[in-house]
Amino acid sequence: MRAPRHVRLTTPLVRDGGVLREASWEEALDRAAAGFRGVPGDAYGMFSCSKATNELNFMAQKFARVVMGSNNVDSCNRT
């Protein structure tokens, strides 16, 4: 049975052995960070949107360049 569309998650879920379970925010964020750690810079890219604020686009490119070590940053601003 599918959950109604208006139901929202209030806690993060993590997958253990193919099964989703509730987790703390700290555990969920640690797992997400661990997933990014092994990605080489040339395998990562960031695409931002012209409808976002300049500040958000700046932070997106800063994340890609400084945290992920990638110069693969693009935006729909140039279209």
PDB file of N, CA and C in Angstrom:
ATOM      1  N   MET A   1       0.843  -1.181   0.000  1.00  0.00           N
ATOM      2  CA  MET A   1       0.000   0.000   0.000  1.00  0.00           C
ATOM      3  C   MET A   1       0.888   1.245   0.000  1.00  0.00           C
ATOM      4  N   ARG A   2       0.555   2.197  -0.846  1.00  0.00           N
ATOM      5  CA  ARG A   2       1.359   3.414  -0.948  1.00  0.00           C
ATOM      6  C   ARG A   2       0.883   4.449   0.050  1.00  0.00           C
ATOM      7  N   ALA A   3       1.841   5.200   0.584  1.00  0.00           N
ATOM      8  CA  ALA A   3       1.509   6.279   1.527  1.00  0.00           C
ATOM      9  C   ALA A   3       0.892   7.439   0.752  1.00  0.00           C
ATOM     10  N   PRO A   4      -0.011   8.162   1.381  1.00  0.00           N
ATOM     11  CA  PRO A   4      -0.577   9.341   0.713  1.00  0.00           C
ATOM     12  C   PRO A   4       0.525  10.336   0.384  1.00  0.00           C
ATOM     13  N   ARG A   5       0.327  11.126  -0.660  1.00  0.00           N
ATOM     14  CA  ARG A   5       1.344  12.069  -1.122  1.00  0.00           C
ATOM     15  C   ARG A   5       1.668  13.143  -0.095  1.00  0.00           C
ATOM     16  N   HIS A   6       0.757  13.486   0.774  1.00  0.00           N
ATOM     17  CA  HIS A   6       0.981  14.583   1.711  1.00  0.00           C
ATOM     18  C   HIS A   6       1.806  14.190   2.931  1.00  0.00           C
ATOM     19  N   VAL A   7       2.143  12.915   3.061  1.00  0.00           N
ATOM     20  CA  VAL A   7       2.943  12.466   4.195  1.00  0.00           C
ATOM     21  C   VAL A   7       4.402  12.825   3.946  1.00  0.00           C
ATOM     22  N   ARG A   8       5.035  13.467   4.922  1.00  0.00           N
ATOM     23  CA  ARG A   8       6.434  13.854   4.793  1.00  0.00           C
ATOM     24  C   ARG A   8       7.279  13.134   5.831  1.00  0.00           C
ATOM     25  N   LEU A   9       8.518  12.895   5.470  1.00  0.00           N
ATOM     26  CA  LEU A   9       9.452  12.301   6.418  1.00  0.00           C
ATOM     27  C   LEU A   9       9.846  13.350   7.444  1.00  0.00           C
ATOM     28  N   THR A  10       9.920  12.944   8.674  1.00  0.00           N
ATOM     29  CA  THR A  10      10.348  13.857   9.735  1.00  0.00           C
ATOM     30  C   THR A  10      11.699  13.460  10.314  1.00  0.00           C
ATOM     31  N   THR A  11      12.150  12.270  10.001  1.00  0.00           N
ATOM     32  CA  THR A  11      13.477  11.811  10.404  1.00  0.00           C
ATOM     33  C   THR A  11      14.145  11.189   9.181  1.00  0.00           C
ATOM     34  N   PRO A  12      15.471  11.236   9.113  1.00  0.00           N
ATOM     35  CA  PRO A  12      16.158  10.625   7.967  1.00  0.00           C
ATOM     36  C   PRO A  12      16.060   9.105   8.015  1.00  0.00           C
ATOM     37  N   LEU A  13      16.165   8.503   6.843  1.00  0.00           N
ATOM     38  CA  LEU A  13      16.172   7.053   6.717  1.00  0.00           C
ATOM     39  C   LEU A  13      17.504   6.619   6.139  1.00  0.00           C
ATOM     40  N   VAL A  14      18.043   5.516   6.626  1.00  0.00           N
ATOM     41  CA  VAL A  14      19.263   4.920   6.077  1.00  0.00           C
ATOM     42  C   VAL A  14      18.958   3.476   5.726  1.00  0.00           C
ATOM     43  N   ARG A  15      19.729   2.954   4.788  1.00  0.00           N
ATOM     44  CA  ARG A  15      19.503   1.583   4.330  1.00  0.00           C
ATOM     45  C   ARG A  15      20.516   0.655   4.984  1.00  0.00           C
ATOM     46  N   ASP A  16      20.030  -0.365   5.648  1.00  0.00           N
ATOM     47  CA  ASP A  16      20.862  -1.408   6.246  1.00  0.00           C
ATOM     48  C   ASP A  16      20.414  -2.749   5.685  1.00  0.00           C
ATOM     49  N   GLY A  17      21.298  -3.385   4.922  1.00  0.00           N
ATOM     50  CA  GLY A  17      20.954  -4.690   4.361  1.00  0.00           C
ATOM     51  C   GLY A  17      19.723  -4.648   3.478  1.00  0.00           C
ATOM     52  N   GLY A  18      19.539  -3.565   2.758  1.00  0.00           N
ATOM     53  CA  GLY A  18      18.400  -3.450   1.848  1.00  0.00           C
ATOM     54  C   GLY A  18      17.119  -2.974   2.504  1.00  0.00           C
ATOM     55  N   VAL A  19      17.157  -2.709   3.798  1.00  0.00           N
ATOM     56  CA  VAL A  19      15.957  -2.281   4.533  1.00  0.00           C
ATOM     57  C   VAL A  19      16.165  -0.867   5.061  1.00  0.00           C
ATOM     58  N   LEU A  20      15.183  -0.014   4.853  1.00  0.00           N
ATOM     59  CA  LEU A  20      15.263   1.348   5.379  1.00  0.00           C
ATOM     60  C   LEU A  20      14.887   1.360   6.851  1.00  0.00           C
ATOM     61  N   ARG A  21      15.641   2.161   7.608  1.00  0.00           N
ATOM     62  CA  ARG A  21      15.317   2.337   9.020  1.00  0.00           C
ATOM     63  C   ARG A  21      15.562   3.791   9.401  1.00  0.00           C
ATOM     64  N   GLU A  22      14.892   4.244  10.438  1.00  0.00           N
ATOM     65  CA  GLU A  22      15.085   5.604  10.916  1.00  0.00           C
ATOM     66  C   GLU A  22      16.473   5.736  11.537  1.00  0.00           C
ATOM     67  N   ALA A  23      17.050   6.928  11.379  1.00  0.00           N
ATOM     68  CA  ALA A  23      18.378   7.190  11.922  1.00  0.00           C
ATOM     69  C   ALA A  23      18.422   8.624  12.436  1.00  0.00           C
ATOM     70  N   SER A  24      19.447   8.906  13.208  1.00  0.00           N
ATOM     71  CA  SER A  24      19.639  10.286  13.665  1.00  0.00           C
ATOM     72  C   SER A  24      20.170  11.111  12.495  1.00  0.00           C
ATOM     73  N   TRP A  25      20.041  12.429  12.598  1.00  0.00           N
ATOM     74  CA  TRP A  25      20.583  13.303  11.562  1.00  0.00           C
ATOM     75  C   TRP A  25      22.096  13.140  11.482  1.00  0.00           C
ATOM     76  N   GLU A  26      22.753  12.977  12.621  1.00  0.00           N
ATOM     77  CA  GLU A  26      24.207  12.829  12.631  1.00  0.00           C
ATOM     78  C   GLU A  26      24.633  11.591  11.845  1.00  0.00           C
ATOM     79  N   GLU A  27      23.951  10.473  12.073  1.00  0.00           N
ATOM     80  CA  GLU A  27      24.303   9.250  11.354  1.00  0.00           C
ATOM     81  C   GLU A  27      24.033   9.402   9.859  1.00  0.00           C
ATOM     82  N   ALA A  28      22.898   9.982   9.514  1.00  0.00           N
ATOM     83  CA  ALA A  28      22.545  10.149   8.098  1.00  0.00           C
ATOM     84  C   ALA A  28      23.542  11.053   7.382  1.00  0.00           C
ATOM     85  N   LEU A  29      23.929  12.164   8.004  1.00  0.00           N
ATOM     86  CA  LEU A  29      24.887  13.072   7.389  1.00  0.00           C
ATOM     87  C   LEU A  29      26.280  12.442   7.308  1.00  0.00           C
ATOM     88  N   ASP A  30      26.666  11.667   8.325  1.00  0.00           N
ATOM     89  CA  ASP A  30      27.944  10.958   8.274  1.00  0.00           C
ATOM     90  C   ASP A  30      27.977   9.976   7.113  1.00  0.00           C
ATOM     91  N   ARG A  31      26.878   9.272   6.898  1.00  0.00           N
ATOM     92  CA  ARG A  31      26.814   8.322   5.786  1.00  0.00           C
ATOM     93  C   ARG A  31      26.860   9.029   4.442  1.00  0.00           C
ATOM     94  N   ALA A  32      26.172  10.155   4.339  1.00  0.00           N
ATOM     95  CA  ALA A  32      26.197  10.916   3.087  1.00  0.00           C
ATOM     96  C   ALA A  32      27.610  11.424   2.800  1.00  0.00           C
ATOM     97  N   ALA A  33      28.284  11.949   3.818  1.00  0.00           N
ATOM     98  CA  ALA A  33      29.647  12.444   3.657  1.00  0.00           C
ATOM     99  C   ALA A  33      30.581  11.308   3.256  1.00  0.00           C
ATOM    100  N   ALA A  34      30.415  10.149   3.858  1.00  0.00           N
ATOM    101  CA  ALA A  34      31.257   9.001   3.527  1.00  0.00           C
ATOM    102  C   ALA A  34      31.077   8.600   2.068  1.00  0.00           C
ATOM    103  N   GLY A  35      29.871   8.738   1.552  1.00  0.00           N
ATOM    104  CA  GLY A  35      29.617   8.416   0.148  1.00  0.00           C
ATOM    105  C   GLY A  35      30.343   9.343  -0.811  1.00  0.00           C
ATOM    106  N   PHE A  36      30.530  10.609  -0.424  1.00  0.00           N
ATOM    107  CA  PHE A  36      31.233  11.563  -1.269  1.00  0.00           C
ATOM    108  C   PHE A  36      32.750  11.454  -1.158  1.00  0.00           C
ATOM    109  N   ARG A  37      33.258  10.907  -0.062  1.00  0.00           N
ATOM    110  CA  ARG A  37      34.705  10.904   0.191  1.00  0.00           C
ATOM    111  C   ARG A  37      35.524  10.218  -0.890  1.00  0.00           C
ATOM    112  N   GLY A  38      35.030   9.159  -1.439  1.00  0.00           N
ATOM    113  CA  GLY A  38      35.819   8.407  -2.411  1.00  0.00           C
ATOM    114  C   GLY A  38      35.673   8.875  -3.841  1.00  0.00           C
ATOM    115  N   VAL A  39      34.911   9.918  -4.099  1.00  0.00           N
ATOM    116  CA  VAL A  39      34.665  10.365  -5.463  1.00  0.00           C
ATOM    117  C   VAL A  39      35.809  11.280  -5.914  1.00  0.00           C
ATOM    118  N   PRO A  40      36.532  10.908  -6.985  1.00  0.00           N
ATOM    119  CA  PRO A  40      37.591  11.795  -7.470  1.00  0.00           C
ATOM    120  C   PRO A  40      36.990  13.055  -8.108  1.00  0.00           C
ATOM    121  N   GLY A  41      37.729  14.161  -8.055  1.00  0.00           N
ATOM    122  CA  GLY A  41      37.228  15.434  -8.561  1.00  0.00           C
ATOM    123  C   GLY A  41      36.781  15.392 -10.005  1.00  0.00           C
ATOM    124  N   ASP A  42      37.494  14.625 -10.860  1.00  0.00           N
ATOM    125  CA  ASP A  42      37.114  14.599 -12.270  1.00  0.00           C
ATOM    126  C   ASP A  42      35.865  13.756 -12.535  1.00  0.00           C
ATOM    127  N   ALA A  43      35.371  13.066 -11.516  1.00  0.00           N
ATOM    128  CA  ALA A  43      34.150  12.276 -11.655  1.00  0.00           C
ATOM    129  C   ALA A  43      32.932  12.992 -11.069  1.00  0.00           C
ATOM    130  N   TYR A  44      33.146  14.212 -10.575  1.00  0.00           N
ATOM    131  CA  TYR A  44      32.075  14.963  -9.923  1.00  0.00           C
ATOM    132  C   TYR A  44      31.798  16.236 -10.714  1.00  0.00           C
ATOM    133  N   GLY A  45      30.532  16.593 -10.827  1.00  0.00           N
ATOM    134  CA  GLY A  45      30.156  17.843 -11.480  1.00  0.00           C
ATOM    135  C   GLY A  45      29.001  18.490 -10.742  1.00  0.00           C
ATOM    136  N   MET A  46      28.918  19.801 -10.869  1.00  0.00           N
ATOM    137  CA  MET A  46      27.852  20.564 -10.212  1.00  0.00           C
ATOM    138  C   MET A  46      27.154  21.398 -11.280  1.00  0.00           C
ATOM    139  N   PHE A  47      25.839  21.339 -11.299  1.00  0.00           N
ATOM    140  CA  PHE A  47      25.042  22.163 -12.203  1.00  0.00           C
ATOM    141  C   PHE A  47      24.120  23.008 -11.350  1.00  0.00           C
ATOM    142  N   SER A  48      24.131  24.315 -11.584  1.00  0.00           N
ATOM    143  CA  SER A  48      23.275  25.211 -10.811  1.00  0.00           C
ATOM    144  C   SER A  48      22.271  25.875 -11.742  1.00  0.00           C
ATOM    145  N   CYS A  49      21.359  26.610 -11.154  1.00  0.00           N
ATOM    146  CA  CYS A  49      20.235  27.169 -11.900  1.00  0.00           C
ATOM    147  C   CYS A  49      20.230  28.692 -11.832  1.00  0.00           C
ATOM    148  N   SER A  50      19.866  29.317 -12.928  1.00  0.00           N
ATOM    149  CA  SER A  50      19.820  30.770 -12.973  1.00  0.00           C
ATOM    150  C   SER A  50      18.707  31.346 -12.097  1.00  0.00           C
ATOM    151  N   LYS A  51      17.750  30.529 -11.721  1.00  0.00           N
ATOM    152  CA  LYS A  51      16.666  31.015 -10.858  1.00  0.00           C
ATOM    153  C   LYS A  51      17.074  31.052  -9.388  1.00  0.00           C
ATOM    154  N   ALA A  52      18.208  30.440  -9.077  1.00  0.00           N
ATOM    155  CA  ALA A  52      18.726  30.499  -7.703  1.00  0.00           C
ATOM    156  C   ALA A  52      19.399  31.856  -7.492  1.00  0.00           C
ATOM    157  N   THR A  53      19.595  32.215  -6.250  1.00  0.00           N
ATOM    158  CA  THR A  53      20.252  33.488  -5.950  1.00  0.00           C
ATOM    159  C   THR A  53      21.736  33.403  -6.290  1.00  0.00           C
ATOM    160  N   ASN A  54      22.353  34.566  -6.466  1.00  0.00           N
ATOM    161  CA  ASN A  54      23.795  34.609  -6.701  1.00  0.00           C
ATOM    162  C   ASN A  54      24.549  33.934  -5.566  1.00  0.00           C
ATOM    163  N   GLU A  55      24.077  34.151  -4.344  1.00  0.00           N
ATOM    164  CA  GLU A  55      24.736  33.567  -3.180  1.00  0.00           C
ATOM    165  C   GLU A  55      24.677  32.042  -3.214  1.00  0.00           C
ATOM    166  N   LEU A  56      23.520  31.492  -3.589  1.00  0.00           N
ATOM    167  CA  LEU A  56      23.386  30.040  -3.661  1.00  0.00           C
ATOM    168  C   LEU A  56      24.263  29.472  -4.771  1.00  0.00           C
ATOM    169  N   ASN A  57      24.279  30.128  -5.928  1.00  0.00           N
ATOM    170  CA  ASN A  57      25.150  29.673  -7.012  1.00  0.00           C
ATOM    171  C   ASN A  57      26.620  29.763  -6.619  1.00  0.00           C
ATOM    172  N   PHE A  58      26.995  30.814  -5.900  1.00  0.00           N
ATOM    173  CA  PHE A  58      28.380  30.948  -5.425  1.00  0.00           C
ATOM    174  C   PHE A  58      28.734  29.791  -4.502  1.00  0.00           C
ATOM    175  N   MET A  59      27.847  29.482  -3.558  1.00  0.00           N
ATOM    176  CA  MET A  59      28.122  28.396  -2.614  1.00  0.00           C
ATOM    177  C   MET A  59      28.177  27.042  -3.321  1.00  0.00           C
ATOM    178  N   ALA A  60      27.351  26.854  -4.355  1.00  0.00           N
ATOM    179  CA  ALA A  60      27.372  25.597  -5.114  1.00  0.00           C
ATOM    180  C   ALA A  60      28.730  25.417  -5.794  1.00  0.00           C
ATOM    181  N   GLN A  61      29.219  26.485  -6.460  1.00  0.00           N
ATOM    182  CA  GLN A  61      30.515  26.344  -7.130  1.00  0.00           C
ATOM    183  C   GLN A  61      31.647  26.233  -6.123  1.00  0.00           C
ATOM    184  N   LYS A  62      31.525  26.905  -4.986  1.00  0.00           N
ATOM    185  CA  LYS A  62      32.562  26.819  -3.947  1.00  0.00           C
ATOM    186  C   LYS A  62      32.619  25.389  -3.400  1.00  0.00           C
ATOM    187  N   PHE A  63      31.464  24.779  -3.168  1.00  0.00           N
ATOM    188  CA  PHE A  63      31.414  23.393  -2.703  1.00  0.00           C
ATOM    189  C   PHE A  63      32.092  22.470  -3.717  1.00  0.00           C
ATOM    190  N   ALA A  64      31.741  22.624  -4.997  1.00  0.00           N
ATOM    191  CA  ALA A  64      32.317  21.756  -6.028  1.00  0.00           C
ATOM    192  C   ALA A  64      33.831  21.907  -6.084  1.00  0.00           C
ATOM    193  N   ARG A  65      34.319  23.141  -6.023  1.00  0.00           N
ATOM    194  CA  ARG A  65      35.753  23.382  -6.184  1.00  0.00           C
ATOM    195  C   ARG A  65      36.563  23.048  -4.933  1.00  0.00           C
ATOM    196  N   VAL A  66      36.091  23.500  -3.769  1.00  0.00           N
ATOM    197  CA  VAL A  66      36.878  23.349  -2.542  1.00  0.00           C
ATOM    198  C   VAL A  66      36.666  21.983  -1.892  1.00  0.00           C
ATOM    199  N   VAL A  67      35.418  21.587  -1.737  1.00  0.00           N
ATOM    200  CA  VAL A  67      35.133  20.335  -1.024  1.00  0.00           C
ATOM    201  C   VAL A  67      35.358  19.112  -1.918  1.00  0.00           C
ATOM    202  N   MET A  68      34.823  19.172  -3.148  1.00  0.00           N
ATOM    203  CA  MET A  68      34.901  18.008  -4.028  1.00  0.00           C
ATOM    204  C   MET A  68      36.146  18.018  -4.915  1.00  0.00           C
ATOM    205  N   GLY A  69      36.851  19.138  -4.978  1.00  0.00           N
ATOM    206  CA  GLY A  69      38.065  19.204  -5.791  1.00  0.00           C
ATOM    207  C   GLY A  69      37.796  19.154  -7.281  1.00  0.00           C
ATOM    208  N   SER A  70      36.659  19.681  -7.707  1.00  0.00           N
ATOM    209  CA  SER A  70      36.266  19.606  -9.105  1.00  0.00           C
ATOM    210  C   SER A  70      36.081  20.996  -9.707  1.00  0.00           C
ATOM    211  N   ASN A  71      36.541  21.169 -10.935  1.00  0.00           N
ATOM    212  CA  ASN A  71      36.261  22.386 -11.679  1.00  0.00           C
ATOM    213  C   ASN A  71      35.094  22.188 -12.636  1.00  0.00           C
ATOM    214  N   ASN A  72      34.411  21.057 -12.528  1.00  0.00           N
ATOM    215  CA  ASN A  72      33.275  20.746 -13.380  1.00  0.00           C
ATOM    216  C   ASN A  72      32.029  21.429 -12.835  1.00  0.00           C
ATOM    217  N   VAL A  73      31.921  22.724 -13.105  1.00  0.00           N
ATOM    218  CA  VAL A  73      30.796  23.529 -12.632  1.00  0.00           C
ATOM    219  C   VAL A  73      30.146  24.169 -13.833  1.00  0.00           C
ATOM    220  N   ASP A  74      28.830  24.063 -13.953  1.00  0.00           N
ATOM    221  CA  ASP A  74      28.115  24.668 -15.064  1.00  0.00           C
ATOM    222  C   ASP A  74      26.813  25.250 -14.552  1.00  0.00           C
ATOM    223  N   SER A  75      26.195  26.047 -15.379  1.00  0.00           N
ATOM    224  CA  SER A  75      24.958  26.703 -14.996  1.00  0.00           C
ATOM    225  C   SER A  75      24.126  26.959 -16.240  1.00  0.00           C
ATOM    226  N   CYS A  76      22.838  27.045 -16.070  1.00  0.00           N
ATOM    227  CA  CYS A  76      21.966  27.391 -17.200  1.00  0.00           C
ATOM    228  C   CYS A  76      21.966  28.901 -17.439  1.00  0.00           C
ATOM    229  N   ASN A  77      22.780  29.647 -16.706  1.00  0.00           N
ATOM    230  CA  ASN A  77      22.872  31.095 -16.908  1.00  0.00           C
ATOM    231  C   ASN A  77      23.364  31.445 -18.302  1.00  0.00           C
ATOM    232  N   ARG A  78      24.135  30.584 -18.892  1.00  0.00           N
ATOM    233  CA  ARG A  78      24.753  30.902 -20.176  1.00  0.00           C
ATOM    234  C   ARG A  78      23.840  30.631 -21.356  1.00  0.00           C
ATOM    235  N   THR A  79      22.648  30.095 -21.148  1.00  0.00           N
ATOM    236  CA  THR A  79      21.749  29.784 -22.263  1.00  0.00           C
ATOM    237  C   THR A  79      20.896  30.951 -22.632  1.00  0.00           C
TER     238      THR A  79
END
